[in-house]
Amino acid sequence: MTNDSYFSNEEFQEILQRYEEAQQKGLATYFDSDALADIAEYYYEEGRANDAVDAALKGVEMFPGAMAPLVFMGRYQLLKQNNPEKAKWYLNQVDNQEEPECIYLQAEIMLVENKQDEADSFLRQQLEWQEDDDRDNFILDVTDLYLDYDLIDSAQQWLSMAENKQTTDYQEVKGRIAMGKGEYQQGEEIFKKLVDENPFASPYWNQLASSQFLSNRIRDSIESSEYSIAINPDDEEALLNKANGMFSLGEYEEALTYYHRFNNLHRDDETGDVLIGITLINLDRPEEALVHLKKAEEKAVEGSVNLAEIYQEMAFALSRLGRVKEALTHVDKAIATEMGNKDELTVLKGHIELENGNPFAAQEFFLEAVRDSNSPSNVYFRIAVSVYDNGYMQLAYKMFHTLFQSAPTDWKDGYSHMALCCKLINKKDEYLHYLKKACKLNPIEAKNVLGEYFPKGLEPENYYNYIIKNKS
């Protein structure tokens, strides 16, 4: 990826202006292959995927064998069109296959094809050919590649081979690995140090925000995202981080604003429309949600990992609108992708029936999910939540009691729902018991389920004391 700072400098802006003038006037103006690839990258970053492909293909046609536009097209086919064979075709057109970008793309194709061992052997062979001065850079690039695919152990192994452990690049990768291993405090410490050293580096603020979010320090995460947005108001990752933080706090209108800003910049895939759709469902605006979810479905390429979620969320929206048959059809579509959990999707069918006043049909789906499941506690929890969401509080109370008696010892879910059941059916002592447990074991769930019953801004860790202090 080309550095964003290059896109803002005078040299690139002059090239871009000449290119756009030539396009508008139909002029035959000369641009070399690297310039066309940079323009393609710029357009892609701006969410203008079609313009990006047009620029890159000009480079492919005008400069046969040139690395930069061919690698751009290869990565585009691999990552956005889910077409590794076409990616290989573009890669094989490059004259010099020893270029680092070609090496990384070849390895990335192997990873997409689930050939991790083959990719690792290939990369280790390539490492042997690196000059001493380039060795650490190659190692860090490979580590980055593995992190992009959540291959944390492989990333750790490669990072251990680097000699200079004091560079900012090394520290950044080390921080990302810590986060990947769930060591969020260590990751936060690393990125705090990096932002202290370079307070105008948006990527470090974004990583700090991510580590804080994963540590359930949502307001700190939002604050870090705001620093990044202040540096660059069009930073997609910062906008997404802030939106996710606001969503987690249940502040859906604010989240929606930032998801829209993200979506306006990130138009090349379905991510933004999916998130907007989910938020609109939480705001009980299902018709608007369907508009965005349909856009997401149209944008999604065949085999997209998001398709199962798109169909699932469409089913939720259709169910809210009373369109039961269509909702169930979309659940079947989600199941057909084989990318969702079939047991949970079967529970969703039961939820749709229950939401629309068909308890006996719902029961059939619930029984099917439990019968076929390899993780009965998880399925039973989801059924109990559906019963709770649909207002059957006495039944939900009994189901959560049964769940807690049979669930694994490290179970953390559902205590907030149980607390609210107890509150609503006037079991005061049990309400306090489950409230305390919910806030200790699963504060994010407690915030989402119980937050509306407490002052805005009060953290879950203080819910119990607030109730005790304000007892009449």
Protein backbone atom coordinates (compact mmCIF):
# COMPACT_ATOMS: atom_id res chain seq x y z
CA MET A 1 0.00 0.00 0.00
CA THR A 2 1.28 3.47 -0.88
CA ASN A 3 1.88 5.76 2.08
CA ASP A 4 -0.99 8.22 2.62
CA SER A 5 1.50 11.08 3.05
CA TYR A 6 2.62 10.59 -0.55
CA PHE A 7 -0.93 11.09 -1.78
CA SER A 8 -1.08 14.51 -0.12
CA ASN A 9 2.24 15.83 -1.41
CA GLU A 10 2.55 18.29 -4.26
CA GLU A 11 4.25 15.88 -6.67
CA PHE A 12 1.47 13.30 -6.57
CA GLN A 13 -1.32 15.88 -6.60
CA GLU A 14 0.14 17.37 -9.79
CA ILE A 15 0.24 13.92 -11.42
CA LEU A 16 -3.33 13.22 -10.32
CA GLN A 17 -4.55 16.56 -11.70
CA ARG A 18 -2.91 15.91 -15.08
CA TYR A 19 -4.42 12.41 -15.19
CA GLU A 20 -7.93 13.62 -14.37
CA GLU A 21 -7.74 16.45 -16.91
CA ALA A 22 -6.60 13.97 -19.55
CA GLN A 23 -9.49 11.66 -18.69
CA GLN A 24 -12.05 14.45 -18.88
CA LYS A 25 -10.75 15.84 -22.20
CA GLY A 26 -9.87 12.51 -23.80
CA LEU A 27 -6.21 13.51 -24.18
CA ALA A 28 -3.36 11.04 -24.72
CA THR A 29 -1.03 12.10 -21.91
CA TYR A 30 1.97 9.99 -20.86
CA PHE A 31 2.14 8.45 -17.38
CA ASP A 32 4.62 5.77 -16.37
CA SER A 33 3.53 2.47 -14.85
CA ASP A 34 4.35 3.47 -11.25
CA ALA A 35 2.31 6.67 -11.56
CA LEU A 36 -0.70 4.77 -12.88
CA ALA A 37 -0.41 2.24 -10.05
CA ASP A 38 -0.20 5.10 -7.51
CA ILE A 39 -3.30 6.70 -9.02
CA ALA A 40 -5.09 3.35 -8.82
CA GLU A 41 -4.07 3.01 -5.17
CA TYR A 42 -5.26 6.54 -4.44
CA TYR A 43 -8.64 5.95 -6.04
CA TYR A 44 -8.97 2.67 -4.20
CA GLU A 45 -8.24 4.38 -0.88
CA GLU A 46 -10.91 6.94 -1.77
CA GLY A 47 -13.48 4.18 -2.28
CA ARG A 48 -13.51 4.61 -6.07
CA ALA A 49 -12.84 0.99 -6.97
CA ASN A 50 -13.93 1.25 -10.62
CA ASP A 51 -11.69 4.26 -11.26
CA ALA A 52 -8.85 2.45 -9.51
CA VAL A 53 -9.20 -0.60 -11.74
CA ASP A 54 -9.38 1.60 -14.85
CA ALA A 55 -6.10 3.33 -13.94
CA ALA A 56 -4.34 0.05 -13.13
CA LEU A 57 -5.52 -1.62 -16.36
CA LYS A 58 -4.15 1.32 -18.34
CA GLY A 59 -0.79 0.55 -16.77
CA VAL A 60 -1.15 -3.16 -17.56
CA GLU A 61 -1.98 -2.44 -21.20
CA MET A 62 0.61 0.30 -21.79
CA PHE A 63 3.49 -1.39 -19.93
CA PRO A 64 3.36 -5.18 -20.37
CA GLY A 65 5.32 -6.88 -17.61
CA ALA A 66 5.49 -3.80 -15.34
CA MET A 67 5.29 -4.84 -11.72
CA ALA A 68 3.26 -2.09 -10.00
CA PRO A 69 -0.05 -2.15 -11.96
CA LEU A 70 0.03 -5.95 -12.31
CA VAL A 71 0.51 -6.46 -8.57
CA PHE A 72 -2.30 -3.97 -7.87
CA MET A 73 -4.63 -5.93 -10.11
CA GLY A 74 -3.47 -9.22 -8.59
CA ARG A 75 -4.22 -8.06 -5.06
CA TYR A 76 -7.53 -6.57 -6.17
CA GLN A 77 -8.60 -9.88 -7.69
CA LEU A 78 -7.41 -11.81 -4.64
CA LEU A 79 -8.82 -9.66 -1.86
CA LYS A 80 -11.86 -7.98 -3.39
CA GLN A 81 -13.01 -10.41 -6.05
CA ASN A 82 -12.04 -13.56 -4.13
CA ASN A 83 -10.39 -14.91 -7.27
CA PRO A 84 -6.94 -16.39 -6.55
CA GLU A 85 -6.66 -17.87 -10.05
CA LYS A 86 -7.04 -14.45 -11.67
CA ALA A 87 -4.58 -13.05 -9.13
CA LYS A 88 -2.04 -15.67 -10.21
CA TRP A 89 -2.66 -14.75 -13.84
CA TYR A 90 -1.73 -11.11 -13.19
CA LEU A 91 1.24 -12.07 -11.02
CA ASN A 92 2.63 -14.36 -13.72
CA GLN A 93 2.70 -11.43 -16.17
CA VAL A 94 5.33 -9.57 -14.12
CA ASP A 95 8.74 -9.60 -15.80
CA ASN A 96 10.77 -9.62 -12.58
CA GLN A 97 9.28 -12.18 -10.20
CA GLU A 98 11.98 -11.43 -7.61
CA GLU A 99 10.46 -8.06 -6.72
CA PRO A 100 9.43 -8.08 -3.02
CA GLU A 101 5.84 -7.15 -3.91
CA CYS A 102 5.63 -10.24 -6.13
CA ILE A 103 7.00 -12.44 -3.36
CA TYR A 104 4.45 -11.13 -0.86
CA LEU A 105 1.57 -11.50 -3.32
CA GLN A 106 2.58 -15.07 -4.14
CA ALA A 107 2.63 -15.92 -0.42
CA GLU A 108 -0.68 -14.16 0.14
CA ILE A 109 -2.31 -16.20 -2.62
CA MET A 110 -1.13 -19.36 -0.86
CA LEU A 111 -2.61 -18.14 2.44
CA VAL A 112 -5.96 -17.41 0.81
CA GLU A 113 -5.85 -20.96 -0.64
CA ASN A 114 -5.21 -22.33 2.90
CA LYS A 115 -1.67 -23.42 1.99
CA GLN A 116 0.02 -21.95 5.05
CA ASP A 117 2.86 -24.48 5.28
CA GLU A 118 3.65 -23.99 1.60
CA ALA A 119 3.60 -20.21 2.03
CA ASP A 120 5.92 -20.38 5.03
CA SER A 121 8.42 -22.62 3.25
CA PHE A 122 8.38 -20.29 0.24
CA LEU A 123 8.97 -17.21 2.40
CA ARG A 124 11.81 -18.86 4.34
CA GLN A 125 13.50 -19.72 1.05
CA GLN A 126 13.17 -16.11 -0.05
CA LEU A 127 14.63 -14.91 3.26
CA GLU A 128 17.87 -16.74 2.45
CA TRP A 129 18.30 -14.54 -0.64
CA GLN A 130 17.92 -11.25 1.21
CA GLU A 131 20.90 -8.93 1.67
CA ASP A 132 21.84 -8.33 5.31
CA ASP A 133 20.59 -4.72 5.16
CA ASP A 134 17.19 -5.88 3.86
CA ARG A 135 16.72 -8.89 6.09
CA ASP A 136 14.90 -7.18 8.98
CA ASN A 137 12.59 -5.28 6.62
CA PHE A 138 11.65 -8.53 4.89
CA ILE A 139 11.00 -10.22 8.25
CA LEU A 140 8.75 -7.38 9.42
CA ASP A 141 6.85 -7.39 6.12
CA VAL A 142 6.19 -11.11 6.43
CA THR A 143 5.17 -10.67 10.06
CA ASP A 144 2.71 -7.98 8.96
CA LEU A 145 1.33 -10.34 6.32
CA TYR A 146 0.70 -13.09 8.87
CA LEU A 147 -0.97 -10.62 11.22
CA ASP A 148 -3.33 -9.56 8.43
CA TYR A 149 -4.53 -13.18 8.36
CA ASP A 150 -4.64 -13.56 12.18
CA LEU A 151 -1.82 -16.12 12.09
CA ILE A 152 -0.43 -14.91 15.40
CA ASP A 153 1.93 -17.83 16.17
CA SER A 154 3.57 -17.58 12.73
CA ALA A 155 3.89 -13.82 13.13
CA GLN A 156 5.57 -14.33 16.52
CA GLN A 157 8.03 -16.84 15.04
CA TRP A 158 9.02 -14.48 12.24
CA LEU A 159 9.34 -11.45 14.52
CA SER A 160 11.74 -13.39 16.76
CA MET A 161 14.18 -13.57 13.81
CA ALA A 162 14.57 -9.77 13.58
CA GLU A 163 17.87 -8.45 14.93
CA ASN A 164 17.08 -4.78 15.57
CA LYS A 165 14.34 -4.73 18.18
CA GLN A 166 14.41 -0.97 18.83
CA THR A 167 12.84 0.35 15.62
CA THR A 168 9.34 1.78 15.66
CA ASP A 169 8.31 -0.74 12.99
CA TYR A 170 9.42 -3.59 15.24
CA GLN A 171 7.59 -2.13 18.24
CA GLU A 172 4.41 -1.61 16.22
CA VAL A 173 4.39 -5.23 15.05
CA LYS A 174 5.17 -6.40 18.59
CA GLY A 175 2.16 -4.44 19.83
CA ARG A 176 -0.11 -5.96 17.19
CA ILE A 177 1.06 -9.45 18.15
CA ALA A 178 0.34 -8.72 21.83
CA MET A 179 -3.20 -7.71 20.90
CA GLY A 180 -3.60 -10.82 18.74
CA LYS A 181 -2.62 -12.96 21.73
CA GLY A 182 -5.15 -11.20 23.95
CA GLU A 183 -2.44 -9.35 25.88
CA TYR A 184 -4.26 -6.04 25.54
CA GLN A 185 -2.50 -4.25 28.40
CA GLN A 186 0.91 -4.95 26.88
CA GLY A 187 -0.36 -3.81 23.48
CA GLU A 188 -1.73 -0.62 25.01
CA GLU A 189 1.58 0.13 26.72
CA ILE A 190 3.47 -0.27 23.45
CA PHE A 191 1.13 1.99 21.48
CA LYS A 192 1.01 4.60 24.26
CA LYS A 193 4.78 4.82 24.00
CA LEU A 194 4.60 5.10 20.22
CA VAL A 195 2.03 7.94 20.33
CA ASP A 196 4.15 9.73 22.94
CA GLU A 197 7.08 9.56 20.52
CA ASN A 198 4.98 10.55 17.50
CA PRO A 199 1.68 12.15 18.55
CA PHE A 200 0.67 12.88 14.94
CA ALA A 201 0.78 9.26 13.77
CA SER A 202 -2.84 8.22 13.23
CA PRO A 203 -2.06 4.48 12.87
CA TYR A 204 -0.64 4.38 16.41
CA TRP A 205 -3.71 6.15 17.83
CA ASN A 206 -5.91 3.66 15.97
CA GLN A 207 -4.04 0.67 17.40
CA LEU A 208 -4.21 2.23 20.87
CA ALA A 209 -7.97 2.67 20.43
CA SER A 210 -8.31 -0.97 19.40
CA SER A 211 -6.36 -2.23 22.42
CA GLN A 212 -8.51 -0.11 24.76
CA PHE A 213 -11.70 -1.30 23.10
CA LEU A 214 -10.69 -4.93 23.51
CA SER A 215 -9.90 -4.23 27.18
CA ASN A 216 -13.49 -2.92 27.54
CA ARG A 217 -12.23 0.61 28.18
CA ILE A 218 -14.68 1.95 25.64
CA ARG A 219 -14.57 5.63 26.53
CA ASP A 220 -10.76 5.64 26.47
CA SER A 221 -10.95 3.95 23.08
CA ILE A 222 -13.33 6.62 21.78
CA GLU A 223 -11.01 9.36 23.05
CA SER A 224 -8.03 7.81 21.24
CA SER A 225 -10.11 7.57 18.07
CA GLU A 226 -10.99 11.25 18.40
CA TYR A 227 -7.28 12.15 18.49
CA SER A 228 -6.81 10.20 15.28
CA ILE A 229 -9.83 11.87 13.65
CA ALA A 230 -8.46 15.28 14.67
CA ILE A 231 -5.24 14.46 12.81
CA ASN A 232 -7.11 13.12 9.77
CA PRO A 233 -10.92 13.57 9.63
CA ASP A 234 -11.05 11.01 6.79
CA ASP A 235 -9.19 8.22 8.57
CA GLU A 236 -11.43 5.20 7.91
CA GLU A 237 -10.06 3.10 10.76
CA ALA A 238 -10.49 5.90 13.29
CA LEU A 239 -14.06 6.57 12.16
CA LEU A 240 -14.86 2.86 12.39
CA ASN A 241 -13.27 2.55 15.83
CA LYS A 242 -15.28 5.49 17.17
CA ALA A 243 -18.49 4.14 15.63
CA ASN A 244 -17.89 0.72 17.20
CA GLY A 245 -17.25 2.36 20.55
CA MET A 246 -20.47 4.38 20.42
CA PHE A 247 -22.39 1.27 19.33
CA SER A 248 -21.00 -0.69 22.30
CA LEU A 249 -22.25 2.04 24.63
CA GLY A 250 -25.71 1.78 23.07
CA GLU A 251 -25.42 5.29 21.61
CA TYR A 252 -26.74 4.16 18.26
CA GLU A 253 -27.56 7.55 16.71
CA GLU A 254 -24.00 8.74 17.27
CA ALA A 255 -22.65 5.42 16.01
CA LEU A 256 -24.79 5.76 12.90
CA THR A 257 -23.26 9.16 12.12
CA TYR A 258 -19.75 7.72 12.16
CA TYR A 259 -20.72 4.56 10.26
CA HIS A 260 -22.11 6.82 7.53
CA ARG A 261 -18.86 8.81 7.45
CA PHE A 262 -16.92 5.56 7.22
CA ASN A 263 -19.20 4.27 4.46
CA ASN A 264 -18.83 7.45 2.41
CA LEU A 265 -15.07 6.89 2.35
CA HIS A 266 -15.14 3.09 2.09
CA ARG A 267 -17.40 2.38 -0.86
CA ASP A 268 -15.48 -0.48 -2.42
CA ASP A 269 -17.09 -3.25 -0.35
CA GLU A 270 -20.13 -4.02 1.76
CA THR A 271 -18.71 -3.40 5.25
CA GLY A 272 -20.19 0.05 5.84
CA ASP A 273 -23.68 -0.83 4.64
CA VAL A 274 -23.73 -3.94 6.85
CA LEU A 275 -22.84 -1.89 9.94
CA ILE A 276 -25.36 0.82 9.09
CA GLY A 277 -28.03 -1.86 8.63
CA ILE A 278 -27.30 -3.46 11.99
CA THR A 279 -27.39 -0.08 13.74
CA LEU A 280 -30.72 0.83 12.12
CA ILE A 281 -32.19 -2.48 13.33
CA ASN A 282 -31.09 -1.56 16.87
CA LEU A 283 -32.83 1.78 16.37
CA ASP A 284 -35.98 -0.11 15.31
CA ARG A 285 -35.86 1.28 11.79
CA PRO A 286 -36.09 -1.99 9.84
CA GLU A 287 -37.21 -0.53 6.50
CA GLU A 288 -34.16 1.75 6.34
CA ALA A 289 -32.00 -1.16 7.47
CA LEU A 290 -33.20 -3.28 4.56
CA VAL A 291 -32.16 -0.60 2.07
CA HIS A 292 -28.57 -0.72 3.28
CA LEU A 293 -28.49 -4.49 3.68
CA LYS A 294 -29.67 -4.90 0.09
CA LYS A 295 -26.87 -2.56 -1.01
CA ALA A 296 -24.45 -4.70 0.97
CA GLU A 297 -25.73 -7.85 -0.73
CA GLU A 298 -25.23 -6.24 -4.16
CA LYS A 299 -21.68 -5.15 -3.31
CA ALA A 300 -20.62 -8.50 -1.84
CA VAL A 301 -18.62 -10.70 -4.17
CA GLU A 302 -19.34 -14.41 -4.44
CA GLY A 303 -18.01 -16.19 -1.37
CA SER A 304 -17.80 -13.02 0.74
CA VAL A 305 -17.46 -13.85 4.44
CA ASN A 306 -20.08 -11.16 5.13
CA LEU A 307 -22.92 -12.82 3.21
CA ALA A 308 -24.12 -14.98 6.10
CA GLU A 309 -24.36 -11.93 8.37
CA ILE A 310 -26.08 -9.88 5.65
CA TYR A 311 -28.79 -12.52 5.22
CA GLN A 312 -29.15 -12.92 8.97
CA GLU A 313 -29.62 -9.20 9.53
CA MET A 314 -32.07 -9.03 6.62
CA ALA A 315 -34.03 -11.79 8.35
CA PHE A 316 -34.15 -9.72 11.57
CA ALA A 317 -35.39 -6.67 9.66
CA LEU A 318 -38.01 -8.62 7.70
CA SER A 319 -39.24 -10.26 10.90
CA ARG A 320 -39.71 -6.85 12.52
CA LEU A 321 -41.85 -5.93 9.53
CA GLY A 322 -43.97 -9.09 9.93
CA ARG A 323 -42.70 -10.62 6.67
CA VAL A 324 -42.15 -14.04 8.22
CA LYS A 325 -41.84 -16.16 5.09
CA GLU A 326 -39.23 -13.85 3.56
CA ALA A 327 -37.36 -13.71 6.85
CA LEU A 328 -37.15 -17.51 7.07
CA THR A 329 -36.00 -17.68 3.44
CA HIS A 330 -33.12 -15.34 4.25
CA VAL A 331 -32.11 -17.50 7.21
CA ASP A 332 -31.96 -20.45 4.79
CA LYS A 333 -29.75 -18.33 2.51
CA ALA A 334 -27.43 -17.68 5.45
CA ILE A 335 -27.27 -21.41 6.22
CA ALA A 336 -26.56 -22.17 2.55
CA THR A 337 -23.40 -20.01 2.61
CA GLU A 338 -21.94 -22.49 5.15
CA MET A 339 -20.27 -19.49 6.80
CA GLY A 340 -22.67 -19.15 9.72
CA ASN A 341 -23.42 -21.35 12.73
CA LYS A 342 -26.30 -23.57 11.66
CA ASP A 343 -27.52 -24.15 15.23
CA GLU A 344 -27.66 -20.42 15.95
CA LEU A 345 -29.39 -19.75 12.65
CA THR A 346 -31.98 -22.40 13.49
CA VAL A 347 -32.57 -20.59 16.78
CA LEU A 348 -33.05 -17.42 14.72
CA LYS A 349 -35.86 -19.17 12.82
CA GLY A 350 -37.52 -19.90 16.15
CA HIS A 351 -37.03 -16.28 17.20
CA ILE A 352 -38.72 -15.05 14.02
CA GLU A 353 -41.73 -17.29 14.65
CA LEU A 354 -41.92 -16.28 18.30
CA GLU A 355 -41.64 -12.57 17.45
CA ASN A 356 -44.55 -12.94 15.09
CA GLY A 357 -46.87 -14.74 17.51
CA ASN A 358 -46.22 -18.37 16.49
CA PRO A 359 -44.93 -20.05 19.68
CA PHE A 360 -45.57 -23.64 18.57
CA ALA A 361 -43.64 -23.18 15.31
CA ALA A 362 -40.90 -21.48 17.33
CA GLN A 363 -40.72 -24.44 19.71
CA GLU A 364 -40.11 -26.82 16.81
CA PHE A 365 -37.12 -24.81 15.63
CA PHE A 366 -35.76 -24.44 19.17
CA LEU A 367 -35.97 -28.21 19.75
CA GLU A 368 -34.27 -28.87 16.42
CA ALA A 369 -31.39 -26.54 17.35
CA VAL A 370 -30.84 -28.18 20.74
CA ARG A 371 -31.12 -31.68 19.30
CA ASP A 372 -28.53 -31.08 16.57
CA SER A 373 -26.09 -28.94 18.55
CA ASN A 374 -22.59 -29.84 19.70
CA SER A 375 -22.65 -26.89 22.13
CA PRO A 376 -26.01 -27.14 23.94
CA SER A 377 -25.23 -24.45 26.53
CA ASN A 378 -24.62 -21.85 23.85
CA VAL A 379 -27.78 -22.82 21.94
CA TYR A 380 -29.88 -22.91 25.12
CA PHE A 381 -28.56 -19.44 26.02
CA ARG A 382 -29.63 -18.05 22.64
CA ILE A 383 -33.08 -19.59 22.99
CA ALA A 384 -33.42 -18.07 26.47
CA VAL A 385 -32.43 -14.65 25.10
CA SER A 386 -35.04 -14.98 22.35
CA VAL A 387 -37.71 -15.87 24.91
CA TYR A 388 -36.56 -12.90 27.02
CA ASP A 389 -36.54 -10.50 24.02
CA ASN A 390 -40.09 -11.49 23.20
CA GLY A 391 -41.35 -10.63 26.67
CA TYR A 392 -41.87 -14.11 28.20
CA MET A 393 -40.13 -13.11 31.43
CA GLN A 394 -41.27 -15.94 33.71
CA LEU A 395 -40.24 -18.55 31.16
CA ALA A 396 -36.95 -16.77 30.49
CA TYR A 397 -36.28 -16.68 34.25
CA LYS A 398 -36.71 -20.46 34.47
CA MET A 399 -34.57 -21.05 31.37
CA PHE A 400 -31.67 -18.93 32.65
CA HIS A 401 -31.83 -20.79 36.00
CA THR A 402 -31.53 -24.09 34.13
CA LEU A 403 -28.71 -22.72 31.96
CA PHE A 404 -26.59 -21.54 34.90
CA GLN A 405 -26.92 -24.91 36.62
CA SER A 406 -25.62 -26.83 33.59
CA ALA A 407 -23.24 -24.39 31.88
CA PRO A 408 -19.42 -24.71 32.07
CA THR A 409 -17.75 -23.21 35.14
CA ASP A 410 -16.28 -20.34 33.09
CA TRP A 411 -19.65 -19.30 31.63
CA LYS A 412 -20.12 -15.51 31.52
CA ASP A 413 -23.20 -14.84 29.38
CA GLY A 414 -26.83 -14.17 30.29
CA TYR A 415 -26.45 -12.87 33.83
CA SER A 416 -27.53 -9.38 32.74
CA HIS A 417 -30.66 -10.80 31.11
CA MET A 418 -31.37 -12.79 34.25
CA ALA A 419 -30.91 -9.68 36.41
CA LEU A 420 -33.46 -7.80 34.33
CA CYS A 421 -35.88 -10.75 34.44
CA CYS A 422 -35.66 -10.68 38.23
CA LYS A 423 -36.17 -6.91 38.29
CA LEU A 424 -39.25 -7.12 36.08
CA ILE A 425 -40.87 -9.98 37.99
CA ASN A 426 -40.05 -8.30 41.33
CA LYS A 427 -37.44 -10.72 42.70
CA LYS A 428 -35.36 -7.97 44.35
CA ASP A 429 -32.74 -10.06 46.15
CA GLU A 430 -32.03 -12.17 43.08
CA TYR A 431 -31.88 -9.00 40.97
CA LEU A 432 -29.04 -7.66 43.11
CA HIS A 433 -27.26 -11.02 43.08
CA TYR A 434 -27.32 -11.36 39.29
CA LEU A 435 -26.62 -7.66 38.73
CA LYS A 436 -23.41 -7.92 40.74
CA LYS A 437 -22.40 -11.10 38.92
CA ALA A 438 -23.21 -9.68 35.47
CA CYS A 439 -21.13 -6.55 35.99
CA LYS A 440 -18.18 -8.56 37.22
CA LEU A 441 -18.21 -11.31 34.60
CA ASN A 442 -19.46 -9.54 31.48
CA PRO A 443 -19.51 -5.73 31.77
CA ILE A 444 -20.11 -5.20 28.02
CA GLU A 445 -23.26 -7.32 28.15
CA ALA A 446 -24.29 -5.51 31.35
CA LYS A 447 -23.92 -2.15 29.62
CA ASN A 448 -25.96 -3.26 26.61
CA VAL A 449 -28.77 -4.96 28.55
CA LEU A 450 -28.99 -2.88 31.72
CA GLY A 451 -27.49 0.49 30.76
CA GLU A 452 -30.84 2.22 30.15
CA TYR A 453 -31.76 1.69 33.83
CA PHE A 454 -28.73 3.67 35.06
CA PRO A 455 -27.48 7.24 34.58
CA LYS A 456 -25.77 7.85 31.25
CA GLY A 457 -22.01 7.51 31.57
CA LEU A 458 -22.14 5.31 34.67
CA GLU A 459 -19.84 2.32 34.15
CA PRO A 460 -21.13 -1.22 34.88
CA GLU A 461 -18.61 -1.64 37.69
CA ASN A 462 -20.61 1.00 39.60
CA TYR A 463 -24.14 -0.31 38.90
CA TYR A 464 -24.43 -2.42 42.04
CA ASN A 465 -23.21 0.33 44.38
CA TYR A 466 -25.53 2.80 42.67
CA ILE A 467 -28.54 0.58 43.43
CA ILE A 468 -27.46 0.03 47.05
CA LYS A 469 -26.83 3.73 47.58
CA ASN A 470 -30.18 4.76 46.10
CA LYS A 471 -32.33 2.15 47.83
CA SER A 472 -35.37 3.77 49.34
